[in-house]
Amino acid sequence: MNFLEVEAWKDQKKILHGFGTRNHSGDKITRIDWRGEKVVRWKKQLPLVSLHQVHKDGIVVFQGGEEEAREHWEREGDALITAYPGIAISVFTADCLPIL
């Protein structure tokens, strides 16, 4: 999978970010199965928590630690935040514009 990065954020040591692209061939589009995945980027292996974006106004707060993040953790909402360090967060979007 390819990741796109914001050039202006690349020098920020505390902001690890990226926009994943969906790889597909022909007319068949497949969703990547992220369950149980860890994000391995920037020479770090981070547990991943994810959000399936829905058209509502709910903000989901991940309050668990690394142990909970290692389990499959996916919720529905419109935004995902955490104050826990060392956790990668992701949002699955379809036709919406994601905001980091």
PDB file of N, CA and C in Angstrom:
ATOM      1  N   MET A   1       0.845  -1.175   0.000  1.00  0.00           N
ATOM      2  CA  MET A   1       0.000   0.000   0.000  1.00  0.00           C
ATOM      3  C   MET A   1       0.886   1.233   0.000  1.00  0.00           C
ATOM      4  N   ASN A   2       0.496   2.204  -0.767  1.00  0.00           N
ATOM      5  CA  ASN A   2       1.218   3.468  -0.822  1.00  0.00           C
ATOM      6  C   ASN A   2       0.629   4.455   0.179  1.00  0.00           C
ATOM      7  N   PHE A   3       1.483   5.302   0.725  1.00  0.00           N
ATOM      8  CA  PHE A   3       1.041   6.346   1.638  1.00  0.00           C
ATOM      9  C   PHE A   3       1.446   7.703   1.090  1.00  0.00           C
ATOM     10  N   LEU A   4       0.540   8.659   1.182  1.00  0.00           N
ATOM     11  CA  LEU A   4       0.823  10.038   0.812  1.00  0.00           C
ATOM     12  C   LEU A   4       1.063  10.822   2.096  1.00  0.00           C
ATOM     13  N   GLU A   5       2.014  11.752   2.064  1.00  0.00           N
ATOM     14  CA  GLU A   5       2.333  12.537   3.248  1.00  0.00           C
ATOM     15  C   GLU A   5       2.253  14.027   2.937  1.00  0.00           C
ATOM     16  N   VAL A   6       1.951  14.820   3.951  1.00  0.00           N
ATOM     17  CA  VAL A   6       1.927  16.270   3.828  1.00  0.00           C
ATOM     18  C   VAL A   6       3.361  16.765   3.960  1.00  0.00           C
ATOM     19  N   GLU A   7       3.863  17.414   2.918  1.00  0.00           N
ATOM     20  CA  GLU A   7       5.260  17.864   2.900  1.00  0.00           C
ATOM     21  C   GLU A   7       5.605  18.734   4.106  1.00  0.00           C
ATOM     22  N   ALA A   8       4.713  19.646   4.468  1.00  0.00           N
ATOM     23  CA  ALA A   8       4.995  20.580   5.563  1.00  0.00           C
ATOM     24  C   ALA A   8       5.095  19.888   6.921  1.00  0.00           C
ATOM     25  N   TRP A   9       4.557  18.662   7.036  1.00  0.00           N
ATOM     26  CA  TRP A   9       4.575  17.951   8.316  1.00  0.00           C
ATOM     27  C   TRP A   9       5.742  16.986   8.436  1.00  0.00           C
ATOM     28  N   LYS A  10       6.464  16.758   7.366  1.00  0.00           N
ATOM     29  CA  LYS A  10       7.529  15.753   7.383  1.00  0.00           C
ATOM     30  C   LYS A  10       8.634  16.068   8.387  1.00  0.00           C
ATOM     31  N   ASP A  11       8.884  17.338   8.665  1.00  0.00           N
ATOM     32  CA  ASP A  11       9.932  17.719   9.611  1.00  0.00           C
ATOM     33  C   ASP A  11       9.473  17.666  11.065  1.00  0.00           C
ATOM     34  N   GLN A  12       8.186  17.489  11.287  1.00  0.00           N
ATOM     35  CA  GLN A  12       7.654  17.438  12.644  1.00  0.00           C
ATOM     36  C   GLN A  12       7.921  16.058  13.244  1.00  0.00           C
ATOM     37  N   LYS A  13       8.727  16.003  14.265  1.00  0.00           N
ATOM     38  CA  LYS A  13       9.119  14.716  14.859  1.00  0.00           C
ATOM     39  C   LYS A  13       7.964  14.018  15.573  1.00  0.00           C
ATOM     40  N   LYS A  14       6.986  14.775  16.066  1.00  0.00           N
ATOM     41  CA  LYS A  14       5.904  14.184  16.853  1.00  0.00           C
ATOM     42  C   LYS A  14       4.650  13.892  16.038  1.00  0.00           C
ATOM     43  N   ILE A  15       4.664  14.235  14.760  1.00  0.00           N
ATOM     44  CA  ILE A  15       3.488  13.983  13.927  1.00  0.00           C
ATOM     45  C   ILE A  15       3.842  12.922  12.895  1.00  0.00           C
ATOM     46  N   LEU A  16       3.432  11.694  13.165  1.00  0.00           N
ATOM     47  CA  LEU A  16       3.568  10.622  12.181  1.00  0.00           C
ATOM     48  C   LEU A  16       2.230  10.543  11.466  1.00  0.00           C
ATOM     49  N   HIS A  17       2.220  10.662  10.171  1.00  0.00           N
ATOM     50  CA  HIS A  17       0.953  10.724   9.455  1.00  0.00           C
ATOM     51  C   HIS A  17       1.095  10.100   8.075  1.00  0.00           C
ATOM     52  N   GLY A  18      -0.038   9.860   7.464  1.00  0.00           N
ATOM     53  CA  GLY A  18      -0.066   9.372   6.099  1.00  0.00           C
ATOM     54  C   GLY A  18      -1.492   9.114   5.665  1.00  0.00           C
ATOM     55  N   PHE A  19      -1.716   9.237   4.384  1.00  0.00           N
ATOM     56  CA  PHE A  19      -3.007   8.924   3.791  1.00  0.00           C
ATOM     57  C   PHE A  19      -2.803   7.674   2.957  1.00  0.00           C
ATOM     58  N   GLY A  20      -3.488   6.598   3.301  1.00  0.00           N
ATOM     59  CA  GLY A  20      -3.361   5.365   2.538  1.00  0.00           C
ATOM     60  C   GLY A  20      -4.123   5.461   1.239  1.00  0.00           C
ATOM     61  N   THR A  21      -3.632   4.773   0.238  1.00  0.00           N
ATOM     62  CA  THR A  21      -4.323   4.725  -1.046  1.00  0.00           C
ATOM     63  C   THR A  21      -4.877   3.330  -1.246  1.00  0.00           C
ATOM     64  N   ARG A  22      -5.974   3.245  -1.932  1.00  0.00           N
ATOM     65  CA  ARG A  22      -6.580   1.945  -2.185  1.00  0.00           C
ATOM     66  C   ARG A  22      -6.029   1.408  -3.499  1.00  0.00           C
ATOM     67  N   ASN A  23      -5.375   0.283  -3.422  1.00  0.00           N
ATOM     68  CA  ASN A  23      -4.850  -0.343  -4.636  1.00  0.00           C
ATOM     69  C   ASN A  23      -5.935  -1.221  -5.240  1.00  0.00           C
ATOM     70  N   HIS A  24      -6.140  -1.096  -6.518  1.00  0.00           N
ATOM     71  CA  HIS A  24      -7.111  -1.967  -7.178  1.00  0.00           C
ATOM     72  C   HIS A  24      -6.695  -2.158  -8.628  1.00  0.00           C
ATOM     73  N   SER A  25      -7.253  -3.176  -9.222  1.00  0.00           N
ATOM     74  CA  SER A  25      -6.971  -3.425 -10.635  1.00  0.00           C
ATOM     75  C   SER A  25      -8.292  -3.675 -11.344  1.00  0.00           C
ATOM     76  N   GLY A  26      -8.418  -3.109 -12.499  1.00  0.00           N
ATOM     77  CA  GLY A  26      -9.646  -3.305 -13.266  1.00  0.00           C
ATOM     78  C   GLY A  26     -10.836  -2.671 -12.568  1.00  0.00           C
ATOM     79  N   ASP A  27     -11.993  -3.326 -12.667  1.00  0.00           N
ATOM     80  CA  ASP A  27     -13.212  -2.812 -12.066  1.00  0.00           C
ATOM     81  C   ASP A  27     -13.400  -3.270 -10.634  1.00  0.00           C
ATOM     82  N   LYS A  28     -12.647  -4.270 -10.217  1.00  0.00           N
ATOM     83  CA  LYS A  28     -12.841  -4.821  -8.878  1.00  0.00           C
ATOM     84  C   LYS A  28     -12.031  -4.018  -7.861  1.00  0.00           C
ATOM     85  N   ILE A  29     -12.730  -3.440  -6.901  1.00  0.00           N
ATOM     86  CA  ILE A  29     -12.071  -2.688  -5.837  1.00  0.00           C
ATOM     87  C   ILE A  29     -12.191  -3.506  -4.556  1.00  0.00           C
ATOM     88  N   THR A  30     -11.087  -3.734  -3.908  1.00  0.00           N
ATOM     89  CA  THR A  30     -11.103  -4.523  -2.681  1.00  0.00           C
ATOM     90  C   THR A  30     -10.695  -3.651  -1.507  1.00  0.00           C
ATOM     91  N   ARG A  31     -11.314  -3.912  -0.378  1.00  0.00           N
ATOM     92  CA  ARG A  31     -10.958  -3.201   0.844  1.00  0.00           C
ATOM     93  C   ARG A  31      -9.846  -3.976   1.533  1.00  0.00           C
ATOM     94  N   ILE A  32      -8.856  -3.260   1.979  1.00  0.00           N
ATOM     95  CA  ILE A  32      -7.746  -3.896   2.672  1.00  0.00           C
ATOM     96  C   ILE A  32      -8.201  -4.280   4.071  1.00  0.00           C
ATOM     97  N   ASP A  33      -7.883  -5.490   4.484  1.00  0.00           N
ATOM     98  CA  ASP A  33      -8.258  -5.972   5.805  1.00  0.00           C
ATOM     99  C   ASP A  33      -7.192  -5.546   6.807  1.00  0.00           C
ATOM    100  N   TRP A  34      -7.522  -4.573   7.635  1.00  0.00           N
ATOM    101  CA  TRP A  34      -6.574  -4.030   8.601  1.00  0.00           C
ATOM    102  C   TRP A  34      -6.648  -4.736   9.941  1.00  0.00           C
ATOM    103  N   ARG A  35      -7.612  -5.648  10.130  1.00  0.00           N
ATOM    104  CA  ARG A  35      -7.771  -6.273  11.436  1.00  0.00           C
ATOM    105  C   ARG A  35      -6.493  -6.961  11.875  1.00  0.00           C
ATOM    106  N   GLY A  36      -6.083  -6.660  13.067  1.00  0.00           N
ATOM    107  CA  GLY A  36      -4.887  -7.279  13.610  1.00  0.00           C
ATOM    108  C   GLY A  36      -3.594  -6.703  13.073  1.00  0.00           C
ATOM    109  N   GLU A  37      -3.693  -5.689  12.225  1.00  0.00           N
ATOM    110  CA  GLU A  37      -2.490  -5.097  11.639  1.00  0.00           C
ATOM    111  C   GLU A  37      -1.842  -4.119  12.600  1.00  0.00           C
ATOM    112  N   LYS A  38      -0.584  -3.930  12.416  1.00  0.00           N
ATOM    113  CA  LYS A  38       0.142  -2.856  13.095  1.00  0.00           C
ATOM    114  C   LYS A  38       0.727  -1.978  12.012  1.00  0.00           C
ATOM    115  N   VAL A  39       0.820  -0.722  12.289  1.00  0.00           N
ATOM    116  CA  VAL A  39       1.397   0.194  11.322  1.00  0.00           C
ATOM    117  C   VAL A  39       2.905   0.180  11.506  1.00  0.00           C
ATOM    118  N   VAL A  40       3.602  -0.217  10.474  1.00  0.00           N
ATOM    119  CA  VAL A  40       5.058  -0.256  10.529  1.00  0.00           C
ATOM    120  C   VAL A  40       5.574   0.820   9.579  1.00  0.00           C
ATOM    121  N   ARG A  41       5.852   1.966  10.123  1.00  0.00           N
ATOM    122  CA  ARG A  41       6.343   3.104   9.351  1.00  0.00           C
ATOM    123  C   ARG A  41       7.310   3.867  10.225  1.00  0.00           C
ATOM    124  N   TRP A  42       8.127   4.610   9.611  1.00  0.00           N
ATOM    125  CA  TRP A  42       9.043   5.479  10.335  1.00  0.00           C
ATOM    126  C   TRP A  42       9.871   4.707  11.361  1.00  0.00           C
ATOM    127  N   LYS A  43      10.172   3.442  11.042  1.00  0.00           N
ATOM    128  CA  LYS A  43      10.974   2.564  11.895  1.00  0.00           C
ATOM    129  C   LYS A  43      10.340   2.314  13.256  1.00  0.00           C
ATOM    130  N   LYS A  44       9.028   2.449  13.329  1.00  0.00           N
ATOM    131  CA  LYS A  44       8.299   2.151  14.559  1.00  0.00           C
ATOM    132  C   LYS A  44       7.171   1.193  14.222  1.00  0.00           C
ATOM    133  N   GLN A  45       6.843   0.344  15.166  1.00  0.00           N
ATOM    134  CA  GLN A  45       5.715  -0.558  15.005  1.00  0.00           C
ATOM    135  C   GLN A  45       4.658  -0.115  16.004  1.00  0.00           C
ATOM    136  N   LEU A  46       3.541   0.376  15.500  1.00  0.00           N
ATOM    137  CA  LEU A  46       2.519   0.964  16.351  1.00  0.00           C
ATOM    138  C   LEU A  46       1.216   0.179  16.283  1.00  0.00           C
ATOM    139  N   PRO A  47       0.567  -0.080  17.427  1.00  0.00           N
ATOM    140  CA  PRO A  47      -0.768  -0.680  17.402  1.00  0.00           C
ATOM    141  C   PRO A  47      -1.740   0.278  16.712  1.00  0.00           C
ATOM    142  N   LEU A  48      -2.682  -0.269  15.978  1.00  0.00           N
ATOM    143  CA  LEU A  48      -3.611   0.534  15.185  1.00  0.00           C
ATOM    144  C   LEU A  48      -5.025   0.422  15.734  1.00  0.00           C
ATOM    145  N   VAL A  49      -5.662   1.564  15.988  1.00  0.00           N
ATOM    146  CA  VAL A  49      -7.090   1.601  16.284  1.00  0.00           C
ATOM    147  C   VAL A  49      -7.743   2.346  15.125  1.00  0.00           C
ATOM    148  N   SER A  50      -8.946   1.937  14.763  1.00  0.00           N
ATOM    149  CA  SER A  50      -9.531   2.520  13.562  1.00  0.00           C
ATOM    150  C   SER A  50     -10.985   2.900  13.757  1.00  0.00           C
ATOM    151  N   LEU A  51     -11.422   3.784  12.883  1.00  0.00           N
ATOM    152  CA  LEU A  51     -12.775   4.299  12.908  1.00  0.00           C
ATOM    153  C   LEU A  51     -13.376   4.139  11.522  1.00  0.00           C
ATOM    154  N   HIS A  52     -14.579   3.600  11.471  1.00  0.00           N
ATOM    155  CA  HIS A  52     -15.344   3.557  10.223  1.00  0.00           C
ATOM    156  C   HIS A  52     -16.205   4.813  10.230  1.00  0.00           C
ATOM    157  N   GLN A  53     -15.897   5.744   9.339  1.00  0.00           N
ATOM    158  CA  GLN A  53     -16.577   7.033   9.352  1.00  0.00           C
ATOM    159  C   GLN A  53     -18.012   6.901   8.878  1.00  0.00           C
ATOM    160  N   VAL A  54     -18.918   7.482   9.655  1.00  0.00           N
ATOM    161  CA  VAL A  54     -20.335   7.534   9.308  1.00  0.00           C
ATOM    162  C   VAL A  54     -20.754   9.001   9.319  1.00  0.00           C
ATOM    163  N   HIS A  55     -21.838   9.302   8.659  1.00  0.00           N
ATOM    164  CA  HIS A  55     -22.287  10.691   8.560  1.00  0.00           C
ATOM    165  C   HIS A  55     -23.091  11.079   9.801  1.00  0.00           C
ATOM    166  N   LYS A  56     -22.379  11.288  10.884  1.00  0.00           N
ATOM    167  CA  LYS A  56     -22.976  11.720  12.148  1.00  0.00           C
ATOM    168  C   LYS A  56     -22.035  12.733  12.771  1.00  0.00           C
ATOM    169  N   ASP A  57     -22.276  13.091  14.004  1.00  0.00           N
ATOM    170  CA  ASP A  57     -21.403  14.061  14.660  1.00  0.00           C
ATOM    171  C   ASP A  57     -20.688  13.470  15.872  1.00  0.00           C
ATOM    172  N   GLY A  58     -20.594  12.161  15.937  1.00  0.00           N
ATOM    173  CA  GLY A  58     -19.994  11.510  17.093  1.00  0.00           C
ATOM    174  C   GLY A  58     -18.472  11.505  17.072  1.00  0.00           C
ATOM    175  N   ILE A  59     -17.881  11.866  18.202  1.00  0.00           N
ATOM    176  CA  ILE A  59     -16.435  11.794  18.369  1.00  0.00           C
ATOM    177  C   ILE A  59     -16.133  10.593  19.250  1.00  0.00           C
ATOM    178  N   VAL A  60     -15.320   9.686  18.758  1.00  0.00           N
ATOM    179  CA  VAL A  60     -14.942   8.488  19.502  1.00  0.00           C
ATOM    180  C   VAL A  60     -13.589   8.744  20.153  1.00  0.00           C
ATOM    181  N   VAL A  61     -13.509   8.471  21.455  1.00  0.00           N
ATOM    182  CA  VAL A  61     -12.267   8.667  22.196  1.00  0.00           C
ATOM    183  C   VAL A  61     -11.707   7.299  22.564  1.00  0.00           C
ATOM    184  N   PHE A  62     -10.508   7.002  22.084  1.00  0.00           N
ATOM    185  CA  PHE A  62      -9.841   5.763  22.476  1.00  0.00           C
ATOM    186  C   PHE A  62      -9.129   6.032  23.793  1.00  0.00           C
ATOM    187  N   GLN A  63      -9.582   5.355  24.863  1.00  0.00           N
ATOM    188  CA  GLN A  63      -9.014   5.580  26.180  1.00  0.00           C
ATOM    189  C   GLN A  63      -8.226   4.384  26.684  1.00  0.00           C
ATOM    190  N   GLY A  64      -8.170   3.350  25.879  1.00  0.00           N
ATOM    191  CA  GLY A  64      -7.448   2.158  26.289  1.00  0.00           C
ATOM    192  C   GLY A  64      -5.958   2.317  26.106  1.00  0.00           C
ATOM    193  N   GLY A  65      -5.253   1.329  26.533  1.00  0.00           N
ATOM    194  CA  GLY A  65      -3.810   1.335  26.371  1.00  0.00           C
ATOM    195  C   GLY A  65      -3.388   0.448  25.220  1.00  0.00           C
ATOM    196  N   GLU A  66      -2.121   0.139  25.191  1.00  0.00           N
ATOM    197  CA  GLU A  66      -1.567  -0.665  24.105  1.00  0.00           C
ATOM    198  C   GLU A  66      -2.172  -2.065  24.084  1.00  0.00           C
ATOM    199  N   GLU A  67      -2.487  -2.605  25.255  1.00  0.00           N
ATOM    200  CA  GLU A  67      -3.076  -3.948  25.321  1.00  0.00           C
ATOM    201  C   GLU A  67      -4.422  -3.991  24.601  1.00  0.00           C
ATOM    202  N   GLU A  68      -5.276  -3.002  24.868  1.00  0.00           N
ATOM    203  CA  GLU A  68      -6.579  -2.952  24.196  1.00  0.00           C
ATOM    204  C   GLU A  68      -6.411  -2.690  22.705  1.00  0.00           C
ATOM    205  N   ALA A  69      -5.435  -1.893  22.342  1.00  0.00           N
ATOM    206  CA  ALA A  69      -5.208  -1.582  20.927  1.00  0.00           C
ATOM    207  C   ALA A  69      -4.733  -2.805  20.160  1.00  0.00           C
ATOM    208  N   ARG A  70      -4.083  -3.737  20.826  1.00  0.00           N
ATOM    209  CA  ARG A  70      -3.610  -4.944  20.146  1.00  0.00           C
ATOM    210  C   ARG A  70      -4.763  -5.829  19.703  1.00  0.00           C
ATOM    211  N   GLU A  71      -5.875  -5.746  20.424  1.00  0.00           N
ATOM    212  CA  GLU A  71      -7.069  -6.462  20.001  1.00  0.00           C
ATOM    213  C   GLU A  71      -7.670  -5.677  18.838  1.00  0.00           C
ATOM    214  N   HIS A  72      -8.567  -6.327  18.109  1.00  0.00           N
ATOM    215  CA  HIS A  72      -9.219  -5.606  17.010  1.00  0.00           C
ATOM    216  C   HIS A  72     -10.128  -4.544  17.610  1.00  0.00           C
ATOM    217  N   TRP A  73      -9.794  -3.309  17.369  1.00  0.00           N
ATOM    218  CA  TRP A  73     -10.553  -2.192  17.938  1.00  0.00           C
ATOM    219  C   TRP A  73     -11.003  -1.305  16.798  1.00  0.00           C
ATOM    220  N   GLU A  74     -12.286  -1.367  16.484  1.00  0.00           N
ATOM    221  CA  GLU A  74     -12.836  -0.513  15.434  1.00  0.00           C
ATOM    222  C   GLU A  74     -14.227  -0.081  15.858  1.00  0.00           C
ATOM    223  N   ARG A  75     -14.504   1.197  15.745  1.00  0.00           N
ATOM    224  CA  ARG A  75     -15.794   1.759  16.115  1.00  0.00           C
ATOM    225  C   ARG A  75     -16.339   2.572  14.946  1.00  0.00           C
ATOM    226  N   GLU A  76     -17.596   3.010  15.089  1.00  0.00           N
ATOM    227  CA  GLU A  76     -18.194   3.900  14.098  1.00  0.00           C
ATOM    228  C   GLU A  76     -18.326   5.288  14.700  1.00  0.00           C
ATOM    229  N   GLY A  77     -18.085   6.300  13.897  1.00  0.00           N
ATOM    230  CA  GLY A  77     -18.204   7.680  14.347  1.00  0.00           C
ATOM    231  C   GLY A  77     -17.737   8.614  13.251  1.00  0.00           C
ATOM    232  N   ASP A  78     -17.577   9.873  13.609  1.00  0.00           N
ATOM    233  CA  ASP A  78     -17.156  10.855  12.615  1.00  0.00           C
ATOM    234  C   ASP A  78     -15.757  11.395  12.890  1.00  0.00           C
ATOM    235  N   ALA A  79     -15.250  11.155  14.089  1.00  0.00           N
ATOM    236  CA  ALA A  79     -13.895  11.594  14.442  1.00  0.00           C
ATOM    237  C   ALA A  79     -13.326  10.632  15.478  1.00  0.00           C
ATOM    238  N   LEU A  80     -12.018  10.486  15.474  1.00  0.00           N
ATOM    239  CA  LEU A  80     -11.334   9.594  16.417  1.00  0.00           C
ATOM    240  C   LEU A  80     -10.161  10.342  17.024  1.00  0.00           C
ATOM    241  N   ILE A  81     -10.103  10.354  18.357  1.00  0.00           N
ATOM    242  CA  ILE A  81      -9.001  11.018  19.048  1.00  0.00           C
ATOM    243  C   ILE A  81      -8.488  10.123  20.169  1.00  0.00           C
ATOM    244  N   THR A  82      -7.258  10.363  20.571  1.00  0.00           N
ATOM    245  CA  THR A  82      -6.688   9.699  21.736  1.00  0.00           C
ATOM    246  C   THR A  82      -5.591  10.572  22.315  1.00  0.00           C
ATOM    247  N   ALA A  83      -5.384  10.447  23.602  1.00  0.00           N
ATOM    248  CA  ALA A  83      -4.271  11.134  24.262  1.00  0.00           C
ATOM    249  C   ALA A  83      -3.187  10.129  24.617  1.00  0.00           C
ATOM    250  N   TYR A  84      -3.420   8.867  24.274  1.00  0.00           N
ATOM    251  CA  TYR A  84      -2.482   7.809  24.625  1.00  0.00           C
ATOM    252  C   TYR A  84      -1.334   7.793  23.614  1.00  0.00           C
ATOM    253  N   PRO A  85      -0.090   7.938  24.062  1.00  0.00           N
ATOM    254  CA  PRO A  85       1.046   7.943  23.127  1.00  0.00           C
ATOM    255  C   PRO A  85       1.343   6.552  22.577  1.00  0.00           C
ATOM    256  N   GLY A  86       1.894   6.504  21.387  1.00  0.00           N
ATOM    257  CA  GLY A  86       2.313   5.240  20.797  1.00  0.00           C
ATOM    258  C   GLY A  86       1.206   4.442  20.149  1.00  0.00           C
ATOM    259  N   ILE A  87       0.052   5.053  19.912  1.00  0.00           N
ATOM    260  CA  ILE A  87      -1.082   4.396  19.261  1.00  0.00           C
ATOM    261  C   ILE A  87      -1.317   5.092  17.924  1.00  0.00           C
ATOM    262  N   ALA A  88      -1.395   4.318  16.854  1.00  0.00           N
ATOM    263  CA  ALA A  88      -1.739   4.876  15.545  1.00  0.00           C
ATOM    264  C   ALA A  88      -3.255   4.860  15.412  1.00  0.00           C
ATOM    265  N   ILE A  89      -3.830   5.952  14.943  1.00  0.00           N
ATOM    266  CA  ILE A  89      -5.275   5.992  14.727  1.00  0.00           C
ATOM    267  C   ILE A  89      -5.540   6.161  13.238  1.00  0.00           C
ATOM    268  N   SER A  90      -6.640   5.560  12.795  1.00  0.00           N
ATOM    269  CA  SER A  90      -6.984   5.635  11.378  1.00  0.00           C
ATOM    270  C   SER A  90      -8.486   5.810  11.223  1.00  0.00           C
ATOM    271  N   VAL A  91      -8.861   6.392  10.098  1.00  0.00           N
ATOM    272  CA  VAL A  91     -10.266   6.586   9.769  1.00  0.00           C
ATOM    273  C   VAL A  91     -10.484   6.070   8.360  1.00  0.00           C
ATOM    274  N   PHE A  92     -11.463   5.173   8.194  1.00  0.00           N
ATOM    275  CA  PHE A  92     -11.835   4.683   6.869  1.00  0.00           C
ATOM    276  C   PHE A  92     -12.907   5.602   6.310  1.00  0.00           C
ATOM    277  N   THR A  93     -12.652   6.184   5.150  1.00  0.00           N
ATOM    278  CA  THR A  93     -13.627   7.070   4.520  1.00  0.00           C
ATOM    279  C   THR A  93     -13.983   6.526   3.141  1.00  0.00           C
ATOM    280  N   ALA A  94     -15.120   6.959   2.647  1.00  0.00           N
ATOM    281  CA  ALA A  94     -15.511   6.578   1.289  1.00  0.00           C
ATOM    282  C   ALA A  94     -15.460   7.829   0.423  1.00  0.00           C
ATOM    283  N   ASP A  95     -16.534   8.611   0.462  1.00  0.00           N
ATOM    284  CA  ASP A  95     -16.587   9.814  -0.359  1.00  0.00           C
ATOM    285  C   ASP A  95     -16.361  11.081   0.456  1.00  0.00           C
ATOM    286  N   CYS A  96     -15.946  10.935   1.701  1.00  0.00           N
ATOM    287  CA  CYS A  96     -15.713  12.087   2.570  1.00  0.00           C
ATOM    288  C   CYS A  96     -14.248  12.500   2.523  1.00  0.00           C
ATOM    289  N   LEU A  97     -13.996  13.750   2.791  1.00  0.00           N
ATOM    290  CA  LEU A  97     -12.630  14.249   2.836  1.00  0.00           C
ATOM    291  C   LEU A  97     -12.113  14.123   4.263  1.00  0.00           C
ATOM    292  N   PRO A  98     -11.075  13.320   4.494  1.00  0.00           N
ATOM    293  CA  PRO A  98     -10.551  13.180   5.855  1.00  0.00           C
ATOM    294  C   PRO A  98      -9.774  14.419   6.279  1.00  0.00           C
ATOM    295  N   ILE A  99      -9.867  14.743   7.561  1.00  0.00           N
ATOM    296  CA  ILE A  99      -9.134  15.873   8.124  1.00  0.00           C
ATOM    297  C   ILE A  99      -8.226  15.335   9.211  1.00  0.00           C
ATOM    298  N   LEU A 100      -6.934  15.651   9.098  1.00  0.00           N
ATOM    299  CA  LEU A 100      -5.986  15.246  10.137  1.00  0.00           C
ATOM    300  C   LEU A 100      -5.799  16.381  11.106  1.00  0.00           C
TER     301      LEU A 100
END
